[in-house]
C-alpha atoms as a PDB file:
ATOM      1  CA  MET A   1     191.145 218.952-229.670  1.00  0.00           C
ATOM      2  CA  ILE A   2     190.822 219.857-226.000  1.00  0.00           C
ATOM      3  CA  HIS A   3     192.307 223.356-226.419  1.00  0.00           C
ATOM      4  CA  ILE A   4     189.638 224.426-228.967  1.00  0.00           C
ATOM      5  CA  ARG A   5     186.676 223.637-226.728  1.00  0.00           C
ATOM      6  CA  PRO A   6     184.805 226.526-225.135  1.00  0.00           C
ATOM      7  CA  GLU A   7     185.338 227.049-221.430  1.00  0.00           C
ATOM      8  CA  ILE A   8     182.315 226.482-219.199  1.00  0.00           C
ATOM      9  CA  LYS A   9     182.360 228.945-216.307  1.00  0.00           C
ATOM     10  CA  GLY A  10     180.711 228.432-212.939  1.00  0.00           C
ATOM     11  CA  ILE A  11     181.417 224.745-212.558  1.00  0.00           C
ATOM     12  CA  LEU A  12     182.985 223.790-209.279  1.00  0.00           C
ATOM     13  CA  PRO A  13     185.734 221.151-209.328  1.00  0.00           C
ATOM     14  CA  SER A  14     184.625 217.751-208.107  1.00  0.00           C
ATOM     15  CA  ASP A  15     186.505 214.698-206.944  1.00  0.00           C
ATOM     16  CA  LYS A  16     183.889 212.395-208.441  1.00  0.00           C
ATOM     17  CA  VAL A  17     185.079 210.972-211.762  1.00  0.00           C
ATOM     18  CA  LYS A  18     181.622 210.906-213.372  1.00  0.00           C
ATOM     19  CA  LEU A  19     180.788 214.483-212.482  1.00  0.00           C
ATOM     20  CA  SER A  20     184.247 215.638-213.438  1.00  0.00           C
ATOM     21  CA  PHE A  21     184.023 213.881-216.818  1.00  0.00           C
ATOM     22  CA  GLN A  22     180.590 215.344-217.417  1.00  0.00           C
ATOM     23  CA  ASN A  23     181.625 218.896-216.554  1.00  0.00           C
ATOM     24  CA  GLU A  24     185.137 218.940-217.974  1.00  0.00           C
ATOM     25  CA  THR A  25     184.556 216.850-221.093  1.00  0.00           C
ATOM     26  CA  LEU A  26     180.934 216.340-222.095  1.00  0.00           C
ATOM     27  CA  ARG A  27     179.567 219.834-221.443  1.00  0.00           C
ATOM     28  CA  PRO A  28     182.304 221.649-223.389  1.00  0.00           C
ATOM     29  CA  ILE A  29     182.034 219.171-226.272  1.00  0.00           C
ATOM     30  CA  LEU A  30     178.253 219.584-226.475  1.00  0.00           C
ATOM     31  CA  LYS A  31     178.621 223.357-226.317  1.00  0.00           C
ATOM     32  CA  ALA A  32     181.126 223.264-229.186  1.00  0.00           C
ATOM     33  CA  LEU A  33     178.774 221.008-231.190  1.00  0.00           C
ATOM     34  CA  ASN A  34     175.688 223.125-230.534  1.00  0.00           C
ATOM     35  CA  ASP A  35     175.235 224.378-234.102  1.00  0.00           C
ATOM     36  CA  HIS A  36     175.764 220.878-235.522  1.00  0.00           C
ATOM     37  CA  LEU A  37     173.175 219.417-233.149  1.00  0.00           C
ATOM     38  CA  LEU A  38     170.627 222.040-234.130  1.00  0.00           C
ATOM     39  CA  ILE A  39     171.218 221.432-237.840  1.00  0.00           C
ATOM     40  CA  LEU A  40     170.904 217.668-237.364  1.00  0.00           C
ATOM     41  CA  VAL A  41     167.580 217.975-235.550  1.00  0.00           C
ATOM     42  CA  ARG A  42     166.158 220.683-237.820  1.00  0.00           C
ATOM     43  CA  GLU A  43     166.957 218.557-240.875  1.00  0.00           C
ATOM     44  CA  TYR A  44     165.364 215.494-239.316  1.00  0.00           C
ATOM     45  CA  PHE A  45     162.199 217.337-238.279  1.00  0.00           C
ATOM     46  CA  GLY A  46     162.015 218.891-241.748  1.00  0.00           C
ATOM     47  CA  SER A  47     162.239 215.462-243.374  1.00  0.00           C
ATOM     48  CA  VAL A  48     159.294 214.174-241.332  1.00  0.00           C
ATOM     49  CA  HIS A  49     157.305 217.406-241.848  1.00  0.00           C
ATOM     50  CA  PHE A  50     157.253 218.366-238.172  1.00  0.00           C
ATOM     51  CA  ASP A  51     156.560 222.111-237.915  1.00  0.00           C
ATOM     52  CA  LEU A  52     158.994 223.524-235.364  1.00  0.00           C
ATOM     53  CA  GLU A  53     157.574 227.016-235.600  1.00  0.00           C
ATOM     54  CA  ARG A  54     154.020 226.216-234.505  1.00  0.00           C
ATOM     55  CA  VAL A  55     154.588 223.629-231.811  1.00  0.00           C
ATOM     56  CA  GLU A  56     154.094 224.242-228.100  1.00  0.00           C
ATOM     57  CA  ASP A  57     157.131 224.010-225.843  1.00  0.00           C
ATOM     58  CA  SER A  58     155.933 220.877-224.061  1.00  0.00           C
ATOM     59  CA  LYS A  59     155.291 219.080-227.353  1.00  0.00           C
ATOM     60  CA  LEU A  60     158.678 220.156-228.725  1.00  0.00           C
ATOM     61  CA  LYS A  61     160.462 218.881-225.633  1.00  0.00           C
ATOM     62  CA  GLN A  62     158.584 215.593-225.893  1.00  0.00           C
ATOM     63  CA  GLN A  63     159.497 215.251-229.592  1.00  0.00           C
ATOM     64  CA  ILE A  64     163.186 215.917-228.902  1.00  0.00           C
ATOM     65  CA  ASP A  65     163.241 213.422-226.031  1.00  0.00           C
ATOM     66  CA  THR A  66     161.502 210.807-228.177  1.00  0.00           C
ATOM     67  CA  LEU A  67     163.866 211.509-231.074  1.00  0.00           C
ATOM     68  CA  LEU A  68     166.954 210.912-228.930  1.00  0.00           C
ATOM     69  CA  LEU A  69     165.386 207.877-227.297  1.00  0.00           C
ATOM     70  CA  LYS A  70     163.920 206.020-230.257  1.00  0.00           C
ATOM     71  CA  GLU A  71     165.435 207.257-233.521  1.00  0.00           C
ATOM     72  CA  SER A  72     168.647 205.234-233.790  1.00  0.00           C
ATOM     73  CA  SER A  73     170.185 207.240-236.621  1.00  0.00           C
ATOM     74  CA  ILE A  74     169.922 210.508-234.679  1.00  0.00           C
ATOM     75  CA  LYS A  75     170.752 208.925-231.338  1.00  0.00           C
ATOM     76  CA  PHE A  76     173.989 207.401-232.591  1.00  0.00           C
ATOM     77  CA  SER A  77     174.871 210.421-234.727  1.00  0.00           C
ATOM     78  CA  VAL A  78     174.880 212.516-231.550  1.00  0.00           C
ATOM     79  CA  LEU A  79     177.044 209.939-229.774  1.00  0.00           C
ATOM     80  CA  GLY A  80     179.433 209.753-232.712  1.00  0.00           C
ATOM     81  CA  MET A  81     179.766 213.521-232.879  1.00  0.00           C
ATOM     82  CA  VAL A  82     180.573 213.697-229.158  1.00  0.00           C
ATOM     83  CA  MET A  83     182.939 210.725-229.151  1.00  0.00           C
ATOM     84  CA  GLY A  84     184.764 212.120-232.180  1.00  0.00           C
ATOM     85  CA  GLN A  85     185.761 215.146-230.115  1.00  0.00           C
ATOM     86  CA  MET A  86     187.300 213.130-227.261  1.00  0.00           C
ATOM     87  CA  SER A  87     190.998 212.681-226.638  1.00  0.00           C
ATOM     88  CA  HIS A  88     192.417 209.166-226.162  1.00  0.00           C
ATOM     89  CA  GLU A  89     192.306 209.589-222.374  1.00  0.00           C
ATOM     90  CA  GLU A  90     188.741 210.852-222.428  1.00  0.00           C
ATOM     91  CA  TYR A  91     187.726 207.980-224.692  1.00  0.00           C
ATOM     92  CA  ALA A  92     189.171 205.495-222.193  1.00  0.00           C
ATOM     93  CA  THR A  93     187.278 207.187-219.342  1.00  0.00           C
ATOM     94  CA  TYR A  94     184.092 207.141-221.412  1.00  0.00           C
ATOM     95  CA  PHE A  95     184.325 203.388-221.948  1.00  0.00           C
ATOM     96  CA  GLU A  96     184.688 202.735-218.220  1.00  0.00           C
ATOM     97  CA  ASN A  97     181.023 203.692-217.819  1.00  0.00           C
ATOM     98  CA  SER A  98     179.689 204.190-221.353  1.00  0.00           C
ATOM     99  CA  LYS A  99     176.087 203.226-220.613  1.00  0.00           C
ATOM    100  CA  SER A 100     175.753 205.902-217.949  1.00  0.00           C
ATOM    101  CA  TYR A 101     177.621 208.487-220.039  1.00  0.00           C
ATOM    102  CA  ASN A 102     175.431 207.757-223.083  1.00  0.00           C
ATOM    103  CA  LYS A 103     172.300 208.536-221.074  1.00  0.00           C
ATOM    104  CA  ARG A 104     173.886 211.732-219.804  1.00  0.00           C
ATOM    105  CA  ILE A 105     174.995 212.755-223.292  1.00  0.00           C
ATOM    106  CA  TRP A 106     171.483 212.280-224.680  1.00  0.00           C
ATOM    107  CA  SER A 107     169.938 214.143-221.749  1.00  0.00           C
ATOM    108  CA  MET A 108     172.312 217.107-222.034  1.00  0.00           C
ATOM    109  CA  ALA A 109     171.977 217.137-225.837  1.00  0.00           C
ATOM    110  CA  ALA A 110     168.167 217.159-225.561  1.00  0.00           C
ATOM    111  CA  LYS A 111     168.274 220.174-223.244  1.00  0.00           C
ATOM    112  CA  ARG A 112     170.772 221.999-225.459  1.00  0.00           C
ATOM    113  CA  ILE A 113     168.715 221.252-228.595  1.00  0.00           C
ATOM    114  CA  PHE A 114     165.459 222.379-226.975  1.00  0.00           C
ATOM    115  CA  ASP A 115     167.008 225.620-225.706  1.00  0.00           C
ATOM    116  CA  GLY A 116     168.689 226.244-229.062  1.00  0.00           C
ATOM    117  CA  LEU A 117     165.530 225.678-231.090  1.00  0.00           C
ATOM    118  CA  LYS A 118     163.538 227.950-228.793  1.00  0.00           C
ATOM    119  CA  ALA A 119     166.177 230.670-229.011  1.00  0.00           C
ATOM    120  CA  THR A 120     166.389 230.538-232.790  1.00  0.00           C
ATOM    121  CA  SER A 121     162.599 230.526-233.202  1.00  0.00           C
ATOM    122  CA  LYS A 122     162.391 233.659-231.034  1.00  0.00           C
ATOM    123  CA  GLU A 123     165.092 235.352-233.140  1.00  0.00           C
ATOM    124  CA  GLU A 124     163.235 234.483-236.341  1.00  0.00           C
ATOM    125  CA  THR A 125     159.959 235.960-235.071  1.00  0.00           C
ATOM    126  CA  ASN A 126     161.620 239.280-234.134  1.00  0.00           C
END
């Protein structure tokens, strides 16, 4: 699994385990899952009749943050997608500090989803 992940350039090596795990494992996994994350969120927002095309950026960001904070099905779907891409060693590292990593996963996913939705809405309007 590790060899199919996209490479993230511009990240300096770190001797801190948390930062290293975030940059060498979580970021590439989330980048590889980008399209899946966008589909998941678009489908959810469509099912609750939330209009992605007419919402202001601040409201969209708030909705994404709330979605990943309060909507258990989406929240744990994101975690499951990320954890499913981990090797055995990465999985063991994840469980050493899962609470902290979960927060980081949701935070990075929220940013990636927001940026992805904004980018695709701009493409659709052009």
